[in-house]
Structure formats: C-alpha cells, structure tokens
Amino acid sequence: MNVDTNIKDNVLFVNLVGELDHHTATFIREEIDRIYQGNRVKHIVFNFEKVGFMDSSGIGLLMGRYRNASIVGGKVVLVRVKPEINKVLNLSGIYKLMNCYANEEEAVANL
C-alpha cells in the first residue's frame, strides 16, 4: 500500500494505492496522523480510486481519522470509491459518519 498526500486550503488529500488491510493500516494511520497533526489541517479527503481491497482494518482507519477530525470541527469524506469497496463501506455503516462523492471538487464544495 502506498499513500500519497497533498494539503490545500486546510484540507488533507489522501490518495490510497493498493490494498488496505491489517498489514498496511498501521503504516497508513501513522503517516496520515503525522501529517494531519503536523500541519493542523481541518478536513481529510480519502481517494479510493486505486484501492483494490479493503477489510475491517480500513474501516478502523477511517473511524479513527473521523474521530480526530471531529475533535477540531473537521470532516472526513471519501471520493472515487469503487463498487466492491463501496459494498464494504456500506455494510459497515460508515456512511452515517462521512459522505462519499464522485470527485475531489465535489467533496471540497461540500465541506
């Protein structure tokens, strides 16, 4: 799993590439938290376009980042979610906490 990040206008953009499972979730969590806290951004946008697999560790990763963002009045949103990943996210109930958008522009417009 690779993670590419970018910060723009108080938003941390996280582009995930590969599989998001228990083997990769710890590394990703630490990387995102380091950047999020070090730059004091408010919102996080996760791009799932290049994620081929996700298990419950991915749900935990999202929940933890949601908690961190909520503390500072921020939001976590998801973009470019593939149907197979959407199924996992929908079953988990994550959409009660965060919204999913077609692209980054739409997501930012709704923050």
PDB file of N, CA and C in Angstrom:
ATOM      1  N   MET A   1       0.853  -1.185   0.000  1.00  0.00           N
ATOM      2  CA  MET A   1       0.000   0.000   0.000  1.00  0.00           C
ATOM      3  C   MET A   1       0.884   1.228   0.000  1.00  0.00           C
ATOM      4  N   ASN A   2       0.607   2.099  -0.917  1.00  0.00           N
ATOM      5  CA  ASN A   2       1.255   3.400  -0.971  1.00  0.00           C
ATOM      6  C   ASN A   2       0.233   4.450  -0.591  1.00  0.00           C
ATOM      7  N   VAL A   3       0.719   5.524  -0.002  1.00  0.00           N
ATOM      8  CA  VAL A   3      -0.155   6.635   0.341  1.00  0.00           C
ATOM      9  C   VAL A   3       0.524   7.918  -0.127  1.00  0.00           C
ATOM     10  N   ASP A   4      -0.228   8.694  -0.884  1.00  0.00           N
ATOM     11  CA  ASP A   4       0.258   9.964  -1.406  1.00  0.00           C
ATOM     12  C   ASP A   4      -0.615  11.055  -0.800  1.00  0.00           C
ATOM     13  N   THR A   5       0.011  12.056  -0.203  1.00  0.00           N
ATOM     14  CA  THR A   5      -0.767  13.105   0.450  1.00  0.00           C
ATOM     15  C   THR A   5      -0.459  14.470  -0.151  1.00  0.00           C
ATOM     16  N   ASN A   6      -1.433  15.356  -0.001  1.00  0.00           N
ATOM     17  CA  ASN A   6      -1.322  16.711  -0.506  1.00  0.00           C
ATOM     18  C   ASN A   6      -2.207  17.594   0.373  1.00  0.00           C
ATOM     19  N   ILE A   7      -1.732  18.775   0.699  1.00  0.00           N
ATOM     20  CA  ILE A   7      -2.518  19.695   1.515  1.00  0.00           C
ATOM     21  C   ILE A   7      -2.846  20.929   0.692  1.00  0.00           C
ATOM     22  N   LYS A   8      -4.136  21.300   0.741  1.00  0.00           N
ATOM     23  CA  LYS A   8      -4.576  22.503   0.041  1.00  0.00           C
ATOM     24  C   LYS A   8      -5.745  23.106   0.798  1.00  0.00           C
ATOM     25  N   ASP A   9      -5.628  24.371   1.144  1.00  0.00           N
ATOM     26  CA  ASP A   9      -6.722  25.110   1.787  1.00  0.00           C
ATOM     27  C   ASP A   9      -7.305  24.391   2.998  1.00  0.00           C
ATOM     28  N   ASN A  10      -6.456  23.995   3.923  1.00  0.00           N
ATOM     29  CA  ASN A  10      -6.893  23.383   5.179  1.00  0.00           C
ATOM     30  C   ASN A  10      -7.518  21.993   5.000  1.00  0.00           C
ATOM     31  N   VAL A  11      -7.211  21.348   3.873  1.00  0.00           N
ATOM     32  CA  VAL A  11      -7.719  20.003   3.587  1.00  0.00           C
ATOM     33  C   VAL A  11      -6.533  19.090   3.281  1.00  0.00           C
ATOM     34  N   LEU A  12      -6.500  17.936   3.947  1.00  0.00           N
ATOM     35  CA  LEU A  12      -5.504  16.913   3.657  1.00  0.00           C
ATOM     36  C   LEU A  12      -6.116  15.925   2.675  1.00  0.00           C
ATOM     37  N   PHE A  13      -5.519  15.826   1.486  1.00  0.00           N
ATOM     38  CA  PHE A  13      -5.961  14.870   0.479  1.00  0.00           C
ATOM     39  C   PHE A  13      -5.096  13.631   0.594  1.00  0.00           C
ATOM     40  N   VAL A  14      -5.727  12.469   0.744  1.00  0.00           N
ATOM     41  CA  VAL A  14      -5.015  11.206   0.899  1.00  0.00           C
ATOM     42  C   VAL A  14      -5.396  10.293  -0.256  1.00  0.00           C
ATOM     43  N   ASN A  15      -4.424   9.996  -1.116  1.00  0.00           N
ATOM     44  CA  ASN A  15      -4.636   9.084  -2.236  1.00  0.00           C
ATOM     45  C   ASN A  15      -4.059   7.727  -1.859  1.00  0.00           C
ATOM     46  N   LEU A  16      -4.921   6.751  -1.733  1.00  0.00           N
ATOM     47  CA  LEU A  16      -4.511   5.404  -1.350  1.00  0.00           C
ATOM     48  C   LEU A  16      -4.309   4.557  -2.602  1.00  0.00           C
ATOM     49  N   VAL A  17      -3.250   3.736  -2.575  1.00  0.00           N
ATOM     50  CA  VAL A  17      -2.944   2.871  -3.721  1.00  0.00           C
ATOM     51  C   VAL A  17      -2.605   1.479  -3.200  1.00  0.00           C
ATOM     52  N   GLY A  18      -3.369   0.475  -3.634  1.00  0.00           N
ATOM     53  CA  GLY A  18      -3.088  -0.903  -3.241  1.00  0.00           C
ATOM     54  C   GLY A  18      -4.171  -1.486  -2.363  1.00  0.00           C
ATOM     55  N   GLU A  19      -3.748  -2.330  -1.422  1.00  0.00           N
ATOM     56  CA  GLU A  19      -4.678  -2.990  -0.516  1.00  0.00           C
ATOM     57  C   GLU A  19      -4.636  -2.352   0.860  1.00  0.00           C
ATOM     58  N   LEU A  20      -5.800  -2.112   1.416  1.00  0.00           N
ATOM     59  CA  LEU A  20      -5.925  -1.536   2.743  1.00  0.00           C
ATOM     60  C   LEU A  20      -6.397  -2.631   3.680  1.00  0.00           C
ATOM     61  N   ASP A  21      -5.436  -3.253   4.359  1.00  0.00           N
ATOM     62  CA  ASP A  21      -5.748  -4.367   5.252  1.00  0.00           C
ATOM     63  C   ASP A  21      -4.942  -4.241   6.538  1.00  0.00           C
ATOM     64  N   HIS A  22      -4.994  -5.278   7.375  1.00  0.00           N
ATOM     65  CA  HIS A  22      -4.316  -5.199   8.669  1.00  0.00           C
ATOM     66  C   HIS A  22      -2.801  -5.090   8.528  1.00  0.00           C
ATOM     67  N   HIS A  23      -2.237  -5.474   7.408  1.00  0.00           N
ATOM     68  CA  HIS A  23      -0.794  -5.357   7.186  1.00  0.00           C
ATOM     69  C   HIS A  23      -0.376  -3.925   6.872  1.00  0.00           C
ATOM     70  N   THR A  24      -1.255  -3.142   6.297  1.00  0.00           N
ATOM     71  CA  THR A  24      -0.893  -1.794   5.844  1.00  0.00           C
ATOM     72  C   THR A  24      -1.543  -0.675   6.654  1.00  0.00           C
ATOM     73  N   ALA A  25      -2.588  -0.980   7.399  1.00  0.00           N
ATOM     74  CA  ALA A  25      -3.357   0.057   8.095  1.00  0.00           C
ATOM     75  C   ALA A  25      -2.526   0.829   9.118  1.00  0.00           C
ATOM     76  N   THR A  26      -1.636   0.155   9.828  1.00  0.00           N
ATOM     77  CA  THR A  26      -0.832   0.835  10.846  1.00  0.00           C
ATOM     78  C   THR A  26       0.077   1.880  10.213  1.00  0.00           C
ATOM     79  N   PHE A  27       0.771   1.505   9.148  1.00  0.00           N
ATOM     80  CA  PHE A  27       1.650   2.449   8.460  1.00  0.00           C
ATOM     81  C   PHE A  27       0.874   3.653   7.948  1.00  0.00           C
ATOM     82  N   ILE A  28      -0.261   3.405   7.338  1.00  0.00           N
ATOM     83  CA  ILE A  28      -1.072   4.482   6.772  1.00  0.00           C
ATOM     84  C   ILE A  28      -1.589   5.397   7.876  1.00  0.00           C
ATOM     85  N   ARG A  29      -2.070   4.803   8.951  1.00  0.00           N
ATOM     86  CA  ARG A  29      -2.581   5.590  10.085  1.00  0.00           C
ATOM     87  C   ARG A  29      -1.490   6.511  10.629  1.00  0.00           C
ATOM     88  N   GLU A  30      -0.308   5.969  10.855  1.00  0.00           N
ATOM     89  CA  GLU A  30       0.790   6.766  11.400  1.00  0.00           C
ATOM     90  C   GLU A  30       1.183   7.898  10.460  1.00  0.00           C
ATOM     91  N   GLU A  31       1.228   7.617   9.175  1.00  0.00           N
ATOM     92  CA  GLU A  31       1.596   8.624   8.176  1.00  0.00           C
ATOM     93  C   GLU A  31       0.554   9.740   8.114  1.00  0.00           C
ATOM     94  N   ILE A  32      -0.709   9.371   8.066  1.00  0.00           N
ATOM     95  CA  ILE A  32      -1.779  10.372   7.996  1.00  0.00           C
ATOM     96  C   ILE A  32      -1.808  11.212   9.268  1.00  0.00           C
ATOM     97  N   ASP A  33      -1.718  10.569  10.418  1.00  0.00           N
ATOM     98  CA  ASP A  33      -1.759  11.307  11.683  1.00  0.00           C
ATOM     99  C   ASP A  33      -0.584  12.270  11.808  1.00  0.00           C
ATOM    100  N   ARG A  34       0.587  11.849  11.379  1.00  0.00           N
ATOM    101  CA  ARG A  34       1.778  12.711  11.443  1.00  0.00           C
ATOM    102  C   ARG A  34       1.550  13.969  10.600  1.00  0.00           C
ATOM    103  N   ILE A  35       1.067  13.798   9.400  1.00  0.00           N
ATOM    104  CA  ILE A  35       0.842  14.930   8.503  1.00  0.00           C
ATOM    105  C   ILE A  35      -0.327  15.788   8.989  1.00  0.00           C
ATOM    106  N   TYR A  36      -1.407  15.145   9.399  1.00  0.00           N
ATOM    107  CA  TYR A  36      -2.607  15.859   9.854  1.00  0.00           C
ATOM    108  C   TYR A  36      -2.290  16.740  11.059  1.00  0.00           C
ATOM    109  N   GLN A  37      -1.637  16.172  12.047  1.00  0.00           N
ATOM    110  CA  GLN A  37      -1.334  16.918  13.263  1.00  0.00           C
ATOM    111  C   GLN A  37      -0.203  17.925  13.052  1.00  0.00           C
ATOM    112  N   GLY A  38       0.763  17.573  12.244  1.00  0.00           N
ATOM    113  CA  GLY A  38       1.885  18.459  11.998  1.00  0.00           C
ATOM    114  C   GLY A  38       1.529  19.700  11.216  1.00  0.00           C
ATOM    115  N   ASN A  39       0.485  19.626  10.410  1.00  0.00           N
ATOM    116  CA  ASN A  39       0.083  20.754   9.583  1.00  0.00           C
ATOM    117  C   ASN A  39      -1.209  21.415  10.037  1.00  0.00           C
ATOM    118  N   ARG A  40      -1.805  20.869  11.068  1.00  0.00           N
ATOM    119  CA  ARG A  40      -3.023  21.423  11.656  1.00  0.00           C
ATOM    120  C   ARG A  40      -4.110  21.720  10.618  1.00  0.00           C
ATOM    121  N   VAL A  41      -4.343  20.753   9.757  1.00  0.00           N
ATOM    122  CA  VAL A  41      -5.435  20.892   8.799  1.00  0.00           C
ATOM    123  C   VAL A  41      -6.742  20.490   9.465  1.00  0.00           C
ATOM    124  N   LYS A  42      -7.853  20.784   8.837  1.00  0.00           N
ATOM    125  CA  LYS A  42      -9.154  20.532   9.454  1.00  0.00           C
ATOM    126  C   LYS A  42      -9.869  19.324   8.871  1.00  0.00           C
ATOM    127  N   HIS A  43      -9.833  19.169   7.543  1.00  0.00           N
ATOM    128  CA  HIS A  43     -10.601  18.127   6.871  1.00  0.00           C
ATOM    129  C   HIS A  43      -9.667  17.112   6.201  1.00  0.00           C
ATOM    130  N   ILE A  44     -10.224  15.914   5.952  1.00  0.00           N
ATOM    131  CA  ILE A  44      -9.483  14.874   5.236  1.00  0.00           C
ATOM    132  C   ILE A  44     -10.364  14.330   4.113  1.00  0.00           C
ATOM    133  N   VAL A  45      -9.783  14.231   2.914  1.00  0.00           N
ATOM    134  CA  VAL A  45     -10.458  13.641   1.761  1.00  0.00           C
ATOM    135  C   VAL A  45      -9.669  12.397   1.365  1.00  0.00           C
ATOM    136  N   PHE A  46     -10.301  11.234   1.482  1.00  0.00           N
ATOM    137  CA  PHE A  46      -9.675   9.967   1.098  1.00  0.00           C
ATOM    138  C   PHE A  46     -10.098   9.598  -0.317  1.00  0.00           C
ATOM    139  N   ASN A  47      -9.126   9.382  -1.192  1.00  0.00           N
ATOM    140  CA  ASN A  47      -9.378   8.955  -2.566  1.00  0.00           C
ATOM    141  C   ASN A  47      -9.155   7.447  -2.650  1.00  0.00           C
ATOM    142  N   PHE A  48     -10.209   6.698  -2.965  1.00  0.00           N
ATOM    143  CA  PHE A  48     -10.158   5.233  -3.031  1.00  0.00           C
ATOM    144  C   PHE A  48     -10.054   4.697  -4.459  1.00  0.00           C
ATOM    145  N   GLU A  49      -9.769   5.563  -5.400  1.00  0.00           N
ATOM    146  CA  GLU A  49      -9.763   5.161  -6.810  1.00  0.00           C
ATOM    147  C   GLU A  49      -8.835   3.982  -7.097  1.00  0.00           C
ATOM    148  N   LYS A  50      -7.691   3.920  -6.419  1.00  0.00           N
ATOM    149  CA  LYS A  50      -6.705   2.880  -6.708  1.00  0.00           C
ATOM    150  C   LYS A  50      -6.591   1.837  -5.597  1.00  0.00           C
ATOM    151  N   VAL A  51      -7.646   1.696  -4.800  1.00  0.00           N
ATOM    152  CA  VAL A  51      -7.680   0.672  -3.756  1.00  0.00           C
ATOM    153  C   VAL A  51      -8.387  -0.554  -4.318  1.00  0.00           C
ATOM    154  N   GLY A  52      -7.688  -1.679  -4.309  1.00  0.00           N
ATOM    155  CA  GLY A  52      -8.248  -2.906  -4.857  1.00  0.00           C
ATOM    156  C   GLY A  52      -8.921  -3.791  -3.832  1.00  0.00           C
ATOM    157  N   PHE A  53      -8.559  -3.614  -2.548  1.00  0.00           N
ATOM    158  CA  PHE A  53      -9.114  -4.454  -1.485  1.00  0.00           C
ATOM    159  C   PHE A  53      -9.088  -3.667  -0.185  1.00  0.00           C
ATOM    160  N   MET A  54     -10.121  -3.871   0.643  1.00  0.00           N
ATOM    161  CA  MET A  54     -10.154  -3.269   1.969  1.00  0.00           C
ATOM    162  C   MET A  54     -10.884  -4.201   2.919  1.00  0.00           C
ATOM    163  N   ASP A  55     -10.324  -4.376   4.121  1.00  0.00           N
ATOM    164  CA  ASP A  55     -11.002  -5.177   5.136  1.00  0.00           C
ATOM    165  C   ASP A  55     -11.382  -4.283   6.321  1.00  0.00           C
ATOM    166  N   SER A  56     -11.742  -4.890   7.434  1.00  0.00           N
ATOM    167  CA  SER A  56     -12.204  -4.126   8.589  1.00  0.00           C
ATOM    168  C   SER A  56     -11.135  -3.197   9.155  1.00  0.00           C
ATOM    169  N   SER A  57      -9.870  -3.459   8.897  1.00  0.00           N
ATOM    170  CA  SER A  57      -8.813  -2.555   9.341  1.00  0.00           C
ATOM    171  C   SER A  57      -8.939  -1.202   8.653  1.00  0.00           C
ATOM    172  N   GLY A  58      -9.391  -1.211   7.425  1.00  0.00           N
ATOM    173  CA  GLY A  58      -9.628   0.030   6.701  1.00  0.00           C
ATOM    174  C   GLY A  58     -10.763   0.827   7.322  1.00  0.00           C
ATOM    175  N   ILE A  59     -11.792   0.128   7.771  1.00  0.00           N
ATOM    176  CA  ILE A  59     -12.901   0.795   8.459  1.00  0.00           C
ATOM    177  C   ILE A  59     -12.382   1.433   9.742  1.00  0.00           C
ATOM    178  N   GLY A  60     -11.562   0.710  10.477  1.00  0.00           N
ATOM    179  CA  GLY A  60     -10.967   1.248  11.704  1.00  0.00           C
ATOM    180  C   GLY A  60     -10.113   2.473  11.432  1.00  0.00           C
ATOM    181  N   LEU A  61      -9.355   2.426  10.352  1.00  0.00           N
ATOM    182  CA  LEU A  61      -8.529   3.569   9.957  1.00  0.00           C
ATOM    183  C   LEU A  61      -9.406   4.799   9.713  1.00  0.00           C
ATOM    184  N   LEU A  62     -10.476   4.626   8.972  1.00  0.00           N
ATOM    185  CA  LEU A  62     -11.382   5.738   8.679  1.00  0.00           C
ATOM    186  C   LEU A  62     -12.057   6.260   9.952  1.00  0.00           C
ATOM    187  N   MET A  63     -12.484   5.359  10.811  1.00  0.00           N
ATOM    188  CA  MET A  63     -13.150   5.760  12.053  1.00  0.00           C
ATOM    189  C   MET A  63     -12.218   6.592  12.936  1.00  0.00           C
ATOM    190  N   GLY A  64     -10.977   6.182  13.039  1.00  0.00           N
ATOM    191  CA  GLY A  64     -10.014   6.925  13.849  1.00  0.00           C
ATOM    192  C   GLY A  64      -9.749   8.312  13.299  1.00  0.00           C
ATOM    193  N   ARG A  65      -9.634   8.432  11.968  1.00  0.00           N
ATOM    194  CA  ARG A  65      -9.402   9.743  11.365  1.00  0.00           C
ATOM    195  C   ARG A  65     -10.649  10.605  11.497  1.00  0.00           C
ATOM    196  N   TYR A  66     -11.821   9.983  11.443  1.00  0.00           N
ATOM    197  CA  TYR A  66     -13.074  10.708  11.657  1.00  0.00           C
ATOM    198  C   TYR A  66     -13.091  11.305  13.066  1.00  0.00           C
ATOM    199  N   ARG A  67     -12.686  10.516  14.034  1.00  0.00           N
ATOM    200  CA  ARG A  67     -12.641  10.992  15.421  1.00  0.00           C
ATOM    201  C   ARG A  67     -11.700  12.181  15.550  1.00  0.00           C
ATOM    202  N   ASN A  68     -10.508  12.066  14.983  1.00  0.00           N
ATOM    203  CA  ASN A  68      -9.529  13.146  15.061  1.00  0.00           C
ATOM    204  C   ASN A  68     -10.047  14.423  14.408  1.00  0.00           C
ATOM    205  N   ALA A  69     -10.661  14.294  13.249  1.00  0.00           N
ATOM    206  CA  ALA A  69     -11.182  15.461  12.548  1.00  0.00           C
ATOM    207  C   ALA A  69     -12.368  16.073  13.305  1.00  0.00           C
ATOM    208  N   SER A  70     -13.209  15.244  13.885  1.00  0.00           N
ATOM    209  CA  SER A  70     -14.378  15.733  14.616  1.00  0.00           C
ATOM    210  C   SER A  70     -13.976  16.583  15.812  1.00  0.00           C
ATOM    211  N   ILE A  71     -12.880  16.234  16.442  1.00  0.00           N
ATOM    212  CA  ILE A  71     -12.399  16.975  17.616  1.00  0.00           C
ATOM    213  C   ILE A  71     -12.125  18.437  17.265  1.00  0.00           C
ATOM    214  N   VAL A  72     -11.637  18.689  16.061  1.00  0.00           N
ATOM    215  CA  VAL A  72     -11.318  20.063  15.645  1.00  0.00           C
ATOM    216  C   VAL A  72     -12.408  20.668  14.753  1.00  0.00           C
ATOM    217  N   GLY A  73     -13.560  20.024  14.682  1.00  0.00           N
ATOM    218  CA  GLY A  73     -14.668  20.537  13.886  1.00  0.00           C
ATOM    219  C   GLY A  73     -14.543  20.254  12.403  1.00  0.00           C
ATOM    220  N   GLY A  74     -13.699  19.275  12.050  1.00  0.00           N
ATOM    221  CA  GLY A  74     -13.494  18.923  10.649  1.00  0.00           C
ATOM    222  C   GLY A  74     -14.347  17.755  10.206  1.00  0.00           C
ATOM    223  N   LYS A  75     -14.222  17.439   8.926  1.00  0.00           N
ATOM    224  CA  LYS A  75     -14.952  16.322   8.339  1.00  0.00           C
ATOM    225  C   LYS A  75     -13.987  15.404   7.606  1.00  0.00           C
ATOM    226  N   VAL A  76     -14.400  14.157   7.474  1.00  0.00           N
ATOM    227  CA  VAL A  76     -13.712  13.181   6.630  1.00  0.00           C
ATOM    228  C   VAL A  76     -14.691  12.791   5.544  1.00  0.00           C
ATOM    229  N   VAL A  77     -14.242  12.851   4.299  1.00  0.00           N
ATOM    230  CA  VAL A  77     -15.087  12.456   3.170  1.00  0.00           C
ATOM    231  C   VAL A  77     -14.310  11.503   2.269  1.00  0.00           C
ATOM    232  N   LEU A  78     -15.056  10.741   1.492  1.00  0.00           N
ATOM    233  CA  LEU A  78     -14.468   9.750   0.603  1.00  0.00           C
ATOM    234  C   LEU A  78     -14.795  10.105  -0.830  1.00  0.00           C
ATOM    235  N   VAL A  79     -13.866   9.828  -1.736  1.00  0.00           N
ATOM    236  CA  VAL A  79     -14.110  10.071  -3.157  1.00  0.00           C
ATOM    237  C   VAL A  79     -13.640   8.886  -3.980  1.00  0.00           C
ATOM    238  N   ARG A  80     -14.241   8.766  -5.167  1.00  0.00           N
ATOM    239  CA  ARG A  80     -13.851   7.772  -6.167  1.00  0.00           C
ATOM    240  C   ARG A  80     -13.822   6.343  -5.605  1.00  0.00           C
ATOM    241  N   VAL A  81     -14.872   5.985  -4.897  1.00  0.00           N
ATOM    242  CA  VAL A  81     -14.970   4.658  -4.278  1.00  0.00           C
ATOM    243  C   VAL A  81     -15.496   3.657  -5.309  1.00  0.00           C
ATOM    244  N   LYS A  82     -14.758   2.572  -5.520  1.00  0.00           N
ATOM    245  CA  LYS A  82     -15.162   1.515  -6.449  1.00  0.00           C
ATOM    246  C   LYS A  82     -16.336   0.724  -5.857  1.00  0.00           C
ATOM    247  N   PRO A  83     -17.130   0.096  -6.711  1.00  0.00           N
ATOM    248  CA  PRO A  83     -18.296  -0.656  -6.224  1.00  0.00           C
ATOM    249  C   PRO A  83     -17.959  -1.729  -5.183  1.00  0.00           C
ATOM    250  N   GLU A  84     -16.860  -2.461  -5.372  1.00  0.00           N
ATOM    251  CA  GLU A  84     -16.515  -3.520  -4.413  1.00  0.00           C
ATOM    252  C   GLU A  84     -16.109  -2.954  -3.052  1.00  0.00           C
ATOM    253  N   ILE A  85     -15.472  -1.790  -3.037  1.00  0.00           N
ATOM    254  CA  ILE A  85     -15.114  -1.130  -1.783  1.00  0.00           C
ATOM    255  C   ILE A  85     -16.359  -0.467  -1.190  1.00  0.00           C
ATOM    256  N   ASN A  86     -17.192   0.065  -2.036  1.00  0.00           N
ATOM    257  CA  ASN A  86     -18.438   0.682  -1.586  1.00  0.00           C
ATOM    258  C   ASN A  86     -19.304  -0.321  -0.818  1.00  0.00           C
ATOM    259  N   LYS A  87     -19.309  -1.560  -1.267  1.00  0.00           N
ATOM    260  CA  LYS A  87     -20.096  -2.597  -0.597  1.00  0.00           C
ATOM    261  C   LYS A  87     -19.626  -2.770   0.852  1.00  0.00           C
ATOM    262  N   VAL A  88     -18.323  -2.834   1.057  1.00  0.00           N
ATOM    263  CA  VAL A  88     -17.757  -2.983   2.408  1.00  0.00           C
ATOM    264  C   VAL A  88     -18.096  -1.759   3.256  1.00  0.00           C
ATOM    265  N   LEU A  89     -17.920  -0.576   2.694  1.00  0.00           N
ATOM    266  CA  LEU A  89     -18.202   0.661   3.419  1.00  0.00           C
ATOM    267  C   LEU A  89     -19.678   0.766   3.777  1.00  0.00           C
ATOM    268  N   ASN A  90     -20.548   0.414   2.854  1.00  0.00           N
ATOM    269  CA  ASN A  90     -21.982   0.481   3.098  1.00  0.00           C
ATOM    270  C   ASN A  90     -22.400  -0.487   4.205  1.00  0.00           C
ATOM    271  N   LEU A  91     -21.892  -1.705   4.158  1.00  0.00           N
ATOM    272  CA  LEU A  91     -22.222  -2.696   5.187  1.00  0.00           C
ATOM    273  C   LEU A  91     -21.739  -2.276   6.566  1.00  0.00           C
ATOM    274  N   SER A  92     -20.636  -1.536   6.608  1.00  0.00           N
ATOM    275  CA  SER A  92     -20.069  -1.119   7.888  1.00  0.00           C
ATOM    276  C   SER A  92     -20.866   0.002   8.545  1.00  0.00           C
ATOM    277  N   GLY A  93     -21.670   0.711   7.765  1.00  0.00           N
ATOM    278  CA  GLY A  93     -22.410   1.846   8.302  1.00  0.00           C
ATOM    279  C   GLY A  93     -21.600   3.133   8.328  1.00  0.00           C
ATOM    280  N   ILE A  94     -20.456   3.138   7.693  1.00  0.00           N
ATOM    281  CA  ILE A  94     -19.557   4.306   7.720  1.00  0.00           C
ATOM    282  C   ILE A  94     -20.201   5.543   7.116  1.00  0.00           C
ATOM    283  N   TYR A  95     -21.145   5.348   6.196  1.00  0.00           N
ATOM    284  CA  TYR A  95     -21.775   6.488   5.545  1.00  0.00           C
ATOM    285  C   TYR A  95     -22.696   7.276   6.478  1.00  0.00           C
ATOM    286  N   LYS A  96     -22.922   6.774   7.680  1.00  0.00           N
ATOM    287  CA  LYS A  96     -23.645   7.552   8.685  1.00  0.00           C
ATOM    288  C   LYS A  96     -22.743   8.635   9.265  1.00  0.00           C
ATOM    289  N   LEU A  97     -21.421   8.434   9.120  1.00  0.00           N
ATOM    290  CA  LEU A  97     -20.450   9.375   9.676  1.00  0.00           C
ATOM    291  C   LEU A  97     -19.793  10.266   8.630  1.00  0.00           C
ATOM    292  N   MET A  98     -19.646   9.748   7.430  1.00  0.00           N
ATOM    293  CA  MET A  98     -18.948  10.503   6.387  1.00  0.00           C
ATOM    294  C   MET A  98     -19.616  10.273   5.047  1.00  0.00           C
ATOM    295  N   ASN A  99     -19.513  11.265   4.188  1.00  0.00           N
ATOM    296  CA  ASN A  99     -20.137  11.201   2.875  1.00  0.00           C
ATOM    297  C   ASN A  99     -19.151  10.752   1.811  1.00  0.00           C
ATOM    298  N   CYS A 100     -19.715  10.298   0.706  1.00  0.00           N
ATOM    299  CA  CYS A 100     -18.932   9.848  -0.442  1.00  0.00           C
ATOM    300  C   CYS A 100     -19.310  10.705  -1.649  1.00  0.00           C
ATOM    301  N   TYR A 101     -18.287  11.134  -2.391  1.00  0.00           N
ATOM    302  CA  TYR A 101     -18.505  11.986  -3.553  1.00  0.00           C
ATOM    303  C   TYR A 101     -17.803  11.406  -4.773  1.00  0.00           C
ATOM    304  N   ALA A 102     -18.214  11.872  -5.929  1.00  0.00           N
ATOM    305  CA  ALA A 102     -17.654  11.373  -7.188  1.00  0.00           C
ATOM    306  C   ALA A 102     -16.209  11.808  -7.386  1.00  0.00           C
ATOM    307  N   ASN A 103     -15.867  13.022  -6.920  1.00  0.00           N
ATOM    308  CA  ASN A 103     -14.515  13.536  -7.127  1.00  0.00           C
ATOM    309  C   ASN A 103     -14.141  14.538  -6.037  1.00  0.00           C
ATOM    310  N   GLU A 104     -12.903  14.983  -6.066  1.00  0.00           N
ATOM    311  CA  GLU A 104     -12.379  15.883  -5.055  1.00  0.00           C
ATOM    312  C   GLU A 104     -13.080  17.250  -5.069  1.00  0.00           C
ATOM    313  N   GLU A 105     -13.376  17.751  -6.245  1.00  0.00           N
ATOM    314  CA  GLU A 105     -14.014  19.057  -6.356  1.00  0.00           C
ATOM    315  C   GLU A 105     -15.383  19.065  -5.680  1.00  0.00           C
ATOM    316  N   GLU A 106     -16.154  18.022  -5.928  1.00  0.00           N
ATOM    317  CA  GLU A 106     -17.466  17.886  -5.308  1.00  0.00           C
ATOM    318  C   GLU A 106     -17.336  17.747  -3.790  1.00  0.00           C
ATOM    319  N   ALA A 107     -16.345  16.986  -3.353  1.00  0.00           N
ATOM    320  CA  ALA A 107     -16.118  16.789  -1.927  1.00  0.00           C
ATOM    321  C   ALA A 107     -15.778  18.105  -1.238  1.00  0.00           C
ATOM    322  N   VAL A 108     -14.848  18.854  -1.796  1.00  0.00           N
ATOM    323  CA  VAL A 108     -14.425  20.120  -1.205  1.00  0.00           C
ATOM    324  C   VAL A 108     -15.582  21.119  -1.165  1.00  0.00           C
ATOM    325  N   ALA A 109     -16.402  21.107  -2.193  1.00  0.00           N
ATOM    326  CA  ALA A 109     -17.550  22.014  -2.227  1.00  0.00           C
ATOM    327  C   ALA A 109     -18.550  21.716  -1.109  1.00  0.00           C
ATOM    328  N   ASN A 110     -18.530  20.493  -0.574  1.00  0.00           N
ATOM    329  CA  ASN A 110     -19.471  20.097   0.473  1.00  0.00           C
ATOM    330  C   ASN A 110     -18.849  20.026   1.864  1.00  0.00           C
ATOM    331  N   LEU A 111     -17.641  20.500   2.005  1.00  0.00           N
ATOM    332  CA  LEU A 111     -17.013  20.516   3.335  1.00  0.00           C
ATOM    333  C   LEU A 111     -17.517  21.682   4.150  1.00  0.00           C
TER     334      LEU A 111
END
